[in-house]
């Protein structure tokens, strides 16, 4: 099957992967753009899993200031090497993640960071909502769906990426890991508001 340069270019634009990786994914997907993008995401997840034990102590801290200086966000994004930390694409991604934090005001980086007490309190509230809505028989499923939606609001990695809502922030990180072949992680963030409490 023939894969055109235009097909490769389109896939590179959405995935950030190299020319040969995009060509291989398109061949495997028999030219189907969506399937090829899914193949690249799966490969990215596999690469990320293989690098979990590695240390990511380089990176950068980026800031974004919004609303005439009334709101600001700081974020630390880590990678393995100074070479990647200085890469324009990595820096641009980190700046956009600072903007994401300011715009979407998550409370934690990952679902593993959500305090158990907060989660139990929310589950109890969702259970009450199920009873009020007359969904007691489906309460477990109702609560599960509500908890997943909650994660997508309060956890940065679970939020839809502001530049492409078809991706979560976590999926964006997986794509960049696949591209740069280095472990990457969002270590922490802080939100500052004029006249309000700071959020870490």
Foldseek 3Di string as FASTA:
>chain_A
DDDDPVLLVVLCVVQVADSVLLVVLCVVVVNDSVSSNVVLLVVLVVLQVVQVPPDFDDADKEKDADDVRFKMKIWTKTWRDPVLNPDPVRVVLNNLLRVVCRVLVAQEAAPVPDDPVVLVVLLVVQLVVCVVVVNNVCSVVSSVVVVLVVRCRRHQQNDQRPVGSVHGVVSVLSSVCSHVVIHMDTDDMWMDGVPDDIGD
